[in-house]
C-alpha atoms as a PDB file:
ATOM      1  CA  VAL A   1      -7.662 -70.966   5.282  1.00  0.00           C
ATOM      2  CA  MET A   2     -11.221 -71.431   3.726  1.00  0.00           C
ATOM      3  CA  ASP A   3     -10.434 -68.749   0.901  1.00  0.00           C
ATOM      4  CA  GLY A   4      -7.381 -70.817  -0.074  1.00  0.00           C
ATOM      5  CA  GLU A   5      -9.036 -73.911   0.155  1.00  0.00           C
ATOM      6  CA  LEU A   6     -12.077 -73.071  -1.906  1.00  0.00           C
ATOM      7  CA  VAL A   7      -9.766 -71.703  -4.671  1.00  0.00           C
ATOM      8  CA  GLN A   8      -7.777 -75.060  -4.356  1.00  0.00           C
ATOM      9  CA  LEU A   9     -10.402 -76.912  -4.899  1.00  0.00           C
ATOM     10  CA  GLU A  10     -11.957 -74.583  -7.464  1.00  0.00           C
ATOM     11  CA  ARG A  11      -8.906 -75.593  -9.984  1.00  0.00           C
ATOM     12  CA  GLU A  12      -9.352 -79.165  -9.004  1.00  0.00           C
ATOM     13  CA  THR A  13     -12.827 -79.646 -10.337  1.00  0.00           C
ATOM     14  CA  GLU A  14     -12.284 -77.358 -12.945  1.00  0.00           C
ATOM     15  CA  ILE A  15      -9.750 -79.917 -14.327  1.00  0.00           C
ATOM     16  CA  ALA A  16     -11.438 -83.165 -13.233  1.00  0.00           C
ATOM     17  CA  ILE A  17     -15.207 -82.134 -13.795  1.00  0.00           C
ATOM     18  CA  HIS A  18     -17.774 -80.311 -16.069  1.00  0.00           C
ATOM     19  CA  PRO A  19     -18.640 -76.406 -14.969  1.00  0.00           C
ATOM     20  CA  GLY A  20     -21.954 -78.219 -14.323  1.00  0.00           C
ATOM     21  CA  ALA A  21     -20.967 -80.388 -12.070  1.00  0.00           C
ATOM     22  CA  LEU A  22     -18.572 -77.847 -10.350  1.00  0.00           C
ATOM     23  CA  LYS A  23     -21.638 -75.557  -9.637  1.00  0.00           C
ATOM     24  CA  VAL A  24     -23.073 -78.820  -7.999  1.00  0.00           C
ATOM     25  CA  LEU A  25     -19.857 -79.410  -6.061  1.00  0.00           C
ATOM     26  CA  VAL A  26     -19.124 -75.990  -5.093  1.00  0.00           C
ATOM     27  CA  PRO A  27     -22.452 -74.795  -2.843  1.00  0.00           C
ATOM     28  CA  SER A  28     -22.303 -78.479  -0.980  1.00  0.00           C
ATOM     29  CA  ARG A  29     -18.770 -77.845   0.377  1.00  0.00           C
ATOM     30  CA  VAL A  30     -19.636 -74.589   0.937  1.00  0.00           C
ATOM     31  CA  ALA A  31     -22.156 -75.578   2.946  1.00  0.00           C
ATOM     32  CA  ARG A  32     -20.485 -78.022   4.918  1.00  0.00           C
ATOM     33  CA  ALA A  33     -17.573 -75.788   5.602  1.00  0.00           C
ATOM     34  CA  GLU A  34     -20.193 -73.410   6.964  1.00  0.00           C
ATOM     35  CA  ALA A  35     -21.693 -76.334   9.256  1.00  0.00           C
ATOM     36  CA  ALA A  36     -18.314 -77.211  10.744  1.00  0.00           C
END
């Protein structure tokens, strides 16, 4: 489930935001997923 979620998130962020912002978003989401 996490894998699929990350893939979908990456696709959305890549299209919607710049790579720099993506790098900032991904770690935050990953940390939240791990905490949850």
